[in-house]
Amino acid sequence: MKKSPVARALLIAAVLIVALLVAVAAVGLAPRPASASAGGASSASPIPVAAASPSVTPSVTPTPAAPLKVTAVSPAAGAKKVAFGQTIRVTFSAPLAATTPFPLLSPAIPGAWRHAGTSALVFVPQGHLPVYTQVRLTIPAGSAGAHGADGGRLAKPYVIKFTVGGPSSVLRLQQLLAELGYLPLHFHPATASPKKPALLSEPKDADLIALRPVDGHFTWRWAHIPSSLGALWTRGEQTVLIRGALMAFEAGHGLGTDGSAGRKVWTALLAQVAAHKAHKAPYRYILVSTALPEKLKVWSNGATIYTTPANTGIASRPTAKGTFPVYARYRTTTMSGTNPDGTHYNDPGVPYVAYFNGGDAVHGFVRASYGSPQSLGCVELSYSSAAVVWKYDPLGTLVTVH
């Protein structure tokens, strides 16, 4: 029997509905993940799933830096007579940070600190360490003190002291005395300007003045130099000429006039050079001739400015020959001693006395005449002549008896 179109449509619809129901039923019978239910656990095996977990950094306690220590210092603590040209070196137990503060020096010294390798600091003086001076070296501790590259620091401040020695060069002493005007010679440093006095070539800081001889040459200050005075000069040697100059310097600066260059002399000498304070007094020299008639001459700045008759010692008490610096002076004094016959003498009120060799002195004394040996070793002058010479024979003045 032939079906109508409506019947065929209904039949198709029914088939589609049945297919849909079968599909739904199939979905419901598919296995599911195990889960807890009121009726009990499912028999299906669960599929493990990796759960995401947050990243965790383990806690680490940093190791503290070892304390910084000073392992060596040069010069050593308590050192004496340290060379004035020496550098100062401090060595630490670990590499230093580039920003570590430098040690402190007292008194302040011209110069600069620098790093030497990784664990040491070195101070290089610009001139020299201060002579005859105690230097204090301090290395601060704590947050403002020296610190290592790893952060280590000194536990407490480090402090030492050492004492600097002095110069000993006679040639350099001669150079400085000449520059200050205490010698009958000029010194011309090789680096000095020819248009300026040699003194002005020196620095204005005593710690910068060279203590070792510098290049240069000496010339006599005047064209006419007595041969006896010229014979007293030897470059680089300690002669009576240098001793007299030192005594004159000492006398002018309130120092003991022993004619030797010690701590006080070098310190004052460097200070005068640094201050450019040249000696302004004329250079004078006394010559006593024992040839008859005996005479005394005063030589000053290149010329003989005064001549007078004099008496020297008798044959049994002759005046010693040679050159000697005046070491003591008295406007008036009492002179006493023993005569050749064993009797004693005591002469009060002797005027214008300048001792130059033991008990020998240039002084005034009343005699009937002058120009022949009459004294017991002294150089006797008339009162009027002694008053004139007194103005020309200060401490350190050289007296030559020939």
Protein backbone atom coordinates (compact mmCIF):
# COMPACT_ATOMS: atom_id res chain seq x y z
CA MET A 1 0.00 0.00 0.00
CA LYS A 2 1.37 3.35 -0.90
CA LYS A 3 1.96 5.71 2.09
CA SER A 4 0.99 9.27 1.97
CA PRO A 5 3.55 12.12 2.41
CA VAL A 6 2.27 12.88 5.88
CA ALA A 7 2.74 9.32 7.00
CA ARG A 8 6.28 9.27 5.63
CA ALA A 9 7.11 12.52 7.57
CA LEU A 10 5.78 11.14 10.82
CA LEU A 11 7.82 7.96 10.36
CA ILE A 12 11.07 9.93 9.82
CA ALA A 13 10.34 12.05 12.89
CA ALA A 14 9.85 8.94 15.00
CA VAL A 15 13.12 7.40 13.80
CA LEU A 16 14.99 10.61 14.69
CA ILE A 17 13.44 10.70 18.17
CA VAL A 18 14.46 7.07 18.82
CA ALA A 19 18.08 7.83 17.65
CA LEU A 20 18.25 10.83 19.94
CA LEU A 21 17.06 8.78 22.93
CA VAL A 22 19.65 6.05 22.21
CA ALA A 23 22.43 8.69 22.06
CA VAL A 24 21.38 10.19 25.39
CA ALA A 25 21.34 6.76 27.01
CA ALA A 26 24.82 6.04 25.70
CA VAL A 27 26.21 9.19 27.30
CA GLY A 28 24.73 8.21 30.64
CA LEU A 29 26.44 4.78 30.58
CA ALA A 30 30.02 6.22 29.92
CA PRO A 31 32.56 5.70 32.81
CA ARG A 32 33.14 8.71 35.11
CA PRO A 33 36.04 9.65 37.49
CA ALA A 34 35.79 8.10 40.92
CA SER A 35 34.04 10.27 43.40
CA ALA A 36 32.54 9.85 46.78
CA SER A 37 28.73 9.25 46.71
CA ALA A 38 26.07 8.37 49.16
CA GLY A 39 26.09 4.79 47.88
CA GLY A 40 29.92 4.28 48.22
CA ALA A 41 33.06 4.61 46.11
CA SER A 42 33.11 4.12 42.38
CA SER A 43 35.10 1.17 41.10
CA ALA A 44 36.73 3.28 38.34
CA SER A 45 40.47 4.02 38.75
CA PRO A 46 41.22 7.73 39.14
CA ILE A 47 43.65 9.46 36.74
CA PRO A 48 46.32 11.34 38.78
CA VAL A 49 46.67 15.01 38.03
CA ALA A 50 49.83 17.00 39.09
CA ALA A 51 48.81 19.90 41.24
CA ALA A 52 50.65 23.27 40.75
CA SER A 53 52.68 24.33 43.82
CA PRO A 54 54.18 27.79 44.59
CA SER A 55 58.04 28.35 44.33
CA VAL A 56 59.74 28.55 47.79
CA THR A 57 63.29 30.03 48.46
CA PRO A 58 65.05 28.35 51.34
CA SER A 59 66.13 30.69 54.23
CA VAL A 60 70.02 31.21 54.35
CA THR A 61 71.84 33.17 57.12
CA PRO A 62 74.80 35.15 55.63
CA THR A 63 78.26 34.55 57.16
CA PRO A 64 79.49 37.76 58.84
CA ALA A 65 82.82 39.26 57.55
CA ALA A 66 85.85 38.65 59.73
CA PRO A 67 87.04 41.74 61.67
CA LEU A 68 89.72 43.74 59.87
CA LYS A 69 93.13 43.81 61.55
CA VAL A 70 96.39 45.74 61.14
CA THR A 71 99.13 43.17 60.57
CA ALA A 72 102.18 45.41 60.05
CA VAL A 73 103.21 49.07 60.26
CA SER A 74 106.42 50.73 59.11
CA PRO A 75 107.95 52.61 60.88
CA ALA A 76 107.22 50.39 63.88
CA ALA A 77 105.57 51.65 67.03
CA GLY A 78 108.09 53.45 69.24
CA ALA A 79 110.77 53.66 66.54
CA LYS A 80 113.44 56.34 67.11
CA LYS A 81 115.48 58.35 64.62
CA VAL A 82 113.27 57.33 61.70
CA ALA A 83 114.74 58.48 58.38
CA PHE A 84 113.16 61.79 57.39
CA GLY A 85 112.64 60.58 53.82
CA GLN A 86 110.92 57.32 54.78
CA THR A 87 107.43 56.42 53.60
CA ILE A 88 104.78 55.14 56.02
CA ARG A 89 103.19 51.76 55.24
CA VAL A 90 100.21 50.05 56.90
CA THR A 91 99.29 46.46 55.99
CA PHE A 92 95.90 44.92 56.79
CA SER A 93 94.66 41.36 57.21
CA ALA A 94 92.31 41.47 54.20
CA PRO A 95 91.83 43.35 50.92
CA LEU A 96 90.60 46.89 51.47
CA ALA A 97 87.54 48.55 49.99
CA ALA A 98 88.40 51.25 47.49
CA THR A 99 86.47 53.76 49.60
CA THR A 100 88.20 53.00 52.91
CA PRO A 101 89.25 56.22 54.68
CA PHE A 102 92.98 56.84 55.04
CA PRO A 103 94.84 56.92 58.38
CA LEU A 104 95.43 60.22 60.17
CA LEU A 105 98.85 61.78 60.92
CA SER A 106 99.62 64.30 63.64
CA PRO A 107 101.18 66.73 63.05
CA ALA A 108 99.80 67.11 59.55
CA ILE A 109 102.48 66.31 56.97
CA PRO A 110 102.46 67.39 53.31
CA GLY A 111 102.04 64.31 51.17
CA ALA A 112 99.42 61.75 50.11
CA TRP A 113 98.17 58.27 50.96
CA ARG A 114 97.67 55.69 48.22
CA HIS A 115 96.67 52.04 47.95
CA ALA A 116 99.57 49.60 47.58
CA GLY A 117 98.28 46.29 46.26
CA THR A 118 94.98 45.12 47.75
CA SER A 119 95.76 45.07 51.46
CA ALA A 120 98.10 47.98 52.20
CA LEU A 121 98.16 51.77 52.34
CA VAL A 122 101.31 53.87 51.84
CA PHE A 123 101.95 57.52 52.74
CA VAL A 124 104.52 59.31 50.57
CA PRO A 125 105.72 62.68 52.00
CA GLN A 126 105.71 65.53 49.54
CA GLY A 127 108.97 66.73 51.03
CA HIS A 128 110.10 64.88 54.15
CA LEU A 129 108.80 63.80 57.54
CA PRO A 130 109.13 66.58 60.16
CA VAL A 131 112.62 66.27 61.63
CA TYR A 132 113.13 65.65 65.35
CA THR A 133 109.37 65.24 65.73
CA GLN A 134 107.14 62.59 67.28
CA VAL A 135 104.50 61.53 64.75
CA ARG A 136 101.18 59.98 65.80
CA LEU A 137 99.49 57.56 63.36
CA THR A 138 95.79 56.85 63.96
CA ILE A 139 93.60 54.39 62.03
CA PRO A 140 89.94 55.02 62.96
CA ALA A 141 87.61 52.09 63.67
CA GLY A 142 83.87 51.53 63.33
CA SER A 143 81.57 52.80 60.62
CA ALA A 144 83.85 55.74 59.81
CA GLY A 145 87.05 53.71 59.97
CA ALA A 146 89.04 51.47 57.68
CA HIS A 147 87.02 48.66 56.13
CA GLY A 148 87.71 45.66 53.97
CA ALA A 149 86.24 44.77 50.61
CA ASP A 150 84.14 42.10 52.36
CA GLY A 151 82.76 44.61 54.88
CA GLY A 152 85.09 43.74 57.75
CA ARG A 153 86.02 46.63 60.04
CA LEU A 154 88.51 47.37 62.79
CA ALA A 155 87.18 46.49 66.23
CA LYS A 156 88.94 49.49 67.83
CA PRO A 157 91.14 52.40 66.70
CA TYR A 158 94.79 51.56 65.99
CA VAL A 159 97.30 54.16 67.30
CA ILE A 160 101.11 54.20 67.28
CA LYS A 161 103.84 56.82 67.68
CA PHE A 162 107.35 57.07 66.26
CA THR A 163 110.04 59.76 66.28
CA VAL A 164 111.75 61.16 63.19
CA GLY A 165 115.49 61.74 63.20
CA GLY A 166 117.36 64.66 61.69
CA PRO A 167 119.70 65.43 58.79
CA SER A 168 123.45 65.06 59.00
CA SER A 169 124.74 66.45 55.73
CA VAL A 170 127.43 69.07 56.28
CA LEU A 171 127.16 70.13 52.65
CA ARG A 172 123.43 70.81 52.98
CA LEU A 173 124.14 72.71 56.19
CA GLN A 174 126.65 74.86 54.31
CA GLN A 175 124.11 75.50 51.56
CA LEU A 176 121.44 76.68 53.98
CA LEU A 177 123.83 78.83 56.07
CA ALA A 178 125.06 80.47 52.88
CA GLU A 179 121.52 81.12 51.65
CA LEU A 180 120.68 82.76 54.99
CA GLY A 181 123.78 84.99 54.89
CA TYR A 182 125.85 83.47 57.73
CA LEU A 183 128.81 82.60 55.51
CA PRO A 184 131.06 84.79 53.34
CA LEU A 185 129.83 82.73 50.38
CA HIS A 186 126.74 82.61 48.18
CA PHE A 187 125.12 79.33 47.27
CA HIS A 188 123.46 79.18 43.86
CA PRO A 189 120.98 76.28 43.49
CA ALA A 190 120.92 74.91 39.97
CA THR A 191 117.15 75.43 39.82
CA ALA A 192 117.13 79.02 41.10
CA SER A 193 116.13 81.88 38.87
CA PRO A 194 119.18 84.01 38.02
CA LYS A 195 117.08 87.12 38.69
CA LYS A 196 116.21 86.16 42.28
CA PRO A 197 118.31 85.51 45.41
CA ALA A 198 118.87 81.83 46.05
CA LEU A 199 116.87 82.05 49.28
CA LEU A 200 113.67 82.75 47.39
CA SER A 201 113.98 79.43 45.58
CA GLU A 202 113.20 77.51 48.75
CA PRO A 203 109.63 76.43 49.60
CA LYS A 204 107.67 78.23 52.31
CA ASP A 205 107.01 75.04 54.27
CA ALA A 206 109.85 73.70 56.42
CA ASP A 207 108.74 70.13 55.70
CA LEU A 208 109.27 70.70 51.97
CA ILE A 209 112.82 72.04 52.14
CA ALA A 210 115.35 69.54 50.90
CA LEU A 211 117.51 68.07 53.66
CA ARG A 212 119.92 66.36 51.31
CA PRO A 213 122.37 68.44 49.26
CA VAL A 214 120.93 69.98 46.12
CA ASP A 215 122.75 70.68 42.89
CA GLY A 216 124.43 74.06 42.72
CA HIS A 217 127.67 75.90 43.38
CA PHE A 218 129.26 78.36 45.85
CA THR A 219 130.93 81.69 45.11
CA TRP A 220 132.62 84.18 47.44
CA ARG A 221 130.40 87.13 48.22
CA TRP A 222 133.20 89.68 47.73
CA ALA A 223 136.16 90.04 45.42
CA HIS A 224 138.63 90.60 48.26
CA ILE A 225 138.78 87.71 50.71
CA PRO A 226 141.70 87.51 53.22
CA SER A 227 143.78 84.44 52.41
CA SER A 228 143.51 83.25 56.01
CA LEU A 229 139.70 83.34 55.75
CA GLY A 230 139.66 81.68 52.33
CA ALA A 231 141.77 78.83 53.71
CA LEU A 232 139.02 77.99 56.19
CA TRP A 233 136.53 76.98 53.51
CA THR A 234 136.21 73.39 52.33
CA ARG A 235 133.08 72.28 50.56
CA GLY A 236 131.28 69.57 52.50
CA GLU A 237 133.57 69.70 55.56
CA GLN A 238 132.88 70.91 59.09
CA THR A 239 135.52 73.61 59.59
CA VAL A 240 135.81 76.46 62.07
CA LEU A 241 134.19 78.65 59.42
CA ILE A 242 131.01 76.58 59.71
CA ARG A 243 131.23 76.46 63.49
CA GLY A 244 131.43 80.25 63.68
CA ALA A 245 128.45 80.62 61.34
CA LEU A 246 126.43 78.18 63.47
CA MET A 247 127.32 80.08 66.64
CA ALA A 248 126.22 83.35 65.06
CA PHE A 249 122.94 81.69 64.02
CA GLU A 250 122.43 80.22 67.48
CA ALA A 251 123.11 83.55 69.16
CA GLY A 252 120.58 85.28 66.93
CA HIS A 253 117.85 82.76 67.77
CA GLY A 254 118.27 82.35 71.51
CA LEU A 255 120.01 78.96 71.31
CA GLY A 256 123.04 77.69 73.18
CA THR A 257 126.11 78.78 71.23
CA ASP A 258 128.00 75.49 71.00
CA GLY A 259 128.48 75.66 67.22
CA SER A 260 126.97 72.23 66.52
CA ALA A 261 123.92 71.43 64.43
CA GLY A 262 121.52 69.49 66.64
CA ARG A 263 117.75 69.25 66.89
CA LYS A 264 117.08 72.87 67.88
CA VAL A 265 119.49 74.31 65.32
CA TRP A 266 118.13 72.32 62.36
CA THR A 267 114.53 73.06 63.37
CA ALA A 268 115.22 76.80 63.65
CA LEU A 269 117.34 76.81 60.49
CA LEU A 270 114.58 75.23 58.40
CA ALA A 271 112.02 77.61 59.87
CA GLN A 272 114.16 80.63 58.91
CA VAL A 273 114.68 79.37 55.38
CA ALA A 274 110.95 78.66 55.02
CA ALA A 275 110.19 82.19 56.27
CA HIS A 276 112.81 83.68 53.90
CA LYS A 277 114.42 85.52 56.82
CA ALA A 278 117.98 86.11 55.70
CA HIS A 279 120.63 87.39 58.11
CA LYS A 280 121.09 91.11 57.50
CA ALA A 281 124.19 91.86 59.61
CA PRO A 282 127.53 92.32 57.82
CA TYR A 283 129.98 89.43 57.80
CA ARG A 284 132.96 90.41 59.94
CA TYR A 285 136.33 88.85 60.64
CA ILE A 286 139.12 89.74 63.10
CA LEU A 287 142.80 89.30 62.20
CA VAL A 288 145.54 89.65 64.82
CA SER A 289 149.13 89.85 63.60
CA THR A 290 151.97 88.97 65.98
CA ALA A 291 154.53 90.51 63.61
CA LEU A 292 155.92 93.71 65.10
CA PRO A 293 154.31 96.09 65.46
CA GLU A 294 151.39 93.88 66.48
CA LYS A 295 148.03 94.88 65.08
CA LEU A 296 144.39 93.95 65.07
CA LYS A 297 142.31 94.43 61.91
CA VAL A 298 138.56 94.29 61.44
CA TRP A 299 137.46 93.02 58.04
CA SER A 300 133.82 93.57 57.10
CA ASN A 301 131.91 92.70 53.91
CA GLY A 302 134.96 92.64 51.68
CA ALA A 303 137.13 95.40 53.13
CA THR A 304 139.29 96.22 56.17
CA ILE A 305 137.35 98.85 58.09
CA TYR A 306 139.48 99.30 61.23
CA THR A 307 143.11 98.77 62.28
CA THR A 308 144.60 99.32 65.74
CA PRO A 309 147.80 98.44 67.63
CA ALA A 310 147.47 95.39 69.89
CA ASN A 311 149.41 93.44 72.50
CA THR A 312 149.57 89.64 72.43
CA GLY A 313 151.06 87.17 74.91
CA ILE A 314 154.59 87.21 76.22
CA ALA A 315 157.00 84.37 75.35
CA SER A 316 156.06 82.33 78.44
CA ARG A 317 152.33 82.84 77.82
CA PRO A 318 152.00 83.28 74.07
CA THR A 319 148.68 83.80 72.36
CA ALA A 320 147.79 80.59 70.55
CA LYS A 321 147.98 80.75 66.78
CA GLY A 322 144.97 79.69 64.73
CA THR A 323 141.37 80.67 64.13
CA PHE A 324 138.72 80.59 66.83
CA PRO A 325 135.12 81.84 67.11
CA VAL A 326 134.10 84.31 69.80
CA TYR A 327 132.14 82.25 72.34
CA ALA A 328 131.48 84.67 75.24
CA ARG A 329 131.28 88.45 75.64
CA TYR A 330 131.14 90.82 78.63
CA ARG A 331 130.72 94.56 78.68
CA THR A 332 132.88 94.51 81.79
CA THR A 333 134.16 91.62 83.85
CA THR A 334 136.78 90.62 86.40
CA MET A 335 139.75 88.73 85.05
CA SER A 336 141.88 86.67 87.42
CA GLY A 337 144.58 84.02 87.21
CA THR A 338 148.21 83.21 87.93
CA ASN A 339 151.22 85.21 86.82
CA PRO A 340 154.32 83.50 85.41
CA ASP A 341 156.06 83.97 88.80
CA GLY A 342 153.27 82.09 90.58
CA THR A 343 151.54 85.10 92.08
CA HIS A 344 147.82 85.64 91.48
CA TYR A 345 146.19 88.58 89.80
CA ASN A 346 142.62 89.86 90.02
CA ASP A 347 141.68 92.68 87.67
CA PRO A 348 138.10 93.98 88.11
CA GLY A 349 136.30 96.16 85.57
CA VAL A 350 138.07 94.91 82.44
CA PRO A 351 135.99 96.36 79.56
CA TYR A 352 134.83 95.10 76.16
CA VAL A 353 135.78 91.45 76.63
CA ALA A 354 135.28 88.88 73.83
CA TYR A 355 136.61 85.39 74.67
CA PHE A 356 137.65 83.37 71.63
CA ASN A 357 139.99 80.58 72.83
CA GLY A 358 139.86 79.29 76.39
CA GLY A 359 140.99 82.19 78.57
CA ASP A 360 142.22 84.26 75.63
CA ALA A 361 140.10 87.28 74.82
CA VAL A 362 140.14 90.55 72.94
CA HIS A 363 139.63 93.28 75.55
CA GLY A 364 140.60 96.72 76.73
CA PHE A 365 143.53 97.09 79.11
CA VAL A 366 145.62 100.01 80.28
CA ARG A 367 149.22 99.81 79.12
CA ALA A 368 151.89 102.38 78.54
CA SER A 369 152.13 101.24 74.92
CA TYR A 370 150.56 98.89 72.40
CA GLY A 371 152.01 96.86 69.55
CA SER A 372 154.21 94.31 71.32
CA PRO A 373 153.84 91.12 73.40
CA GLN A 374 152.81 92.16 76.94
CA SER A 375 149.76 90.06 77.92
CA LEU A 376 149.33 86.60 79.39
CA GLY A 377 147.73 85.32 76.18
CA CYS A 378 144.97 87.86 75.58
CA VAL A 379 144.81 90.45 72.83
CA GLU A 380 144.97 93.77 74.62
CA LEU A 381 143.72 97.04 73.13
CA SER A 382 143.45 100.57 74.42
CA TYR A 383 140.09 101.35 75.98
CA SER A 384 139.08 103.52 73.04
CA SER A 385 140.10 100.91 70.47
CA ALA A 386 138.40 98.12 72.43
CA ALA A 387 135.17 100.12 72.41
CA VAL A 388 135.29 100.26 68.61
CA VAL A 389 136.13 96.59 68.12
CA TRP A 390 133.37 95.61 70.58
CA LYS A 391 130.86 96.64 67.94
CA TYR A 392 132.39 94.23 65.42
CA ASP A 393 133.00 90.98 67.32
CA PRO A 394 129.63 89.42 68.24
CA LEU A 395 129.32 85.74 69.14
CA GLY A 396 130.53 83.50 66.33
CA THR A 397 132.93 86.09 64.87
CA LEU A 398 136.13 84.39 63.80
CA VAL A 399 139.41 85.61 65.26
CA THR A 400 142.60 84.55 63.47
CA VAL A 401 145.93 84.98 65.23
CA HIS A 402 148.82 84.63 62.79
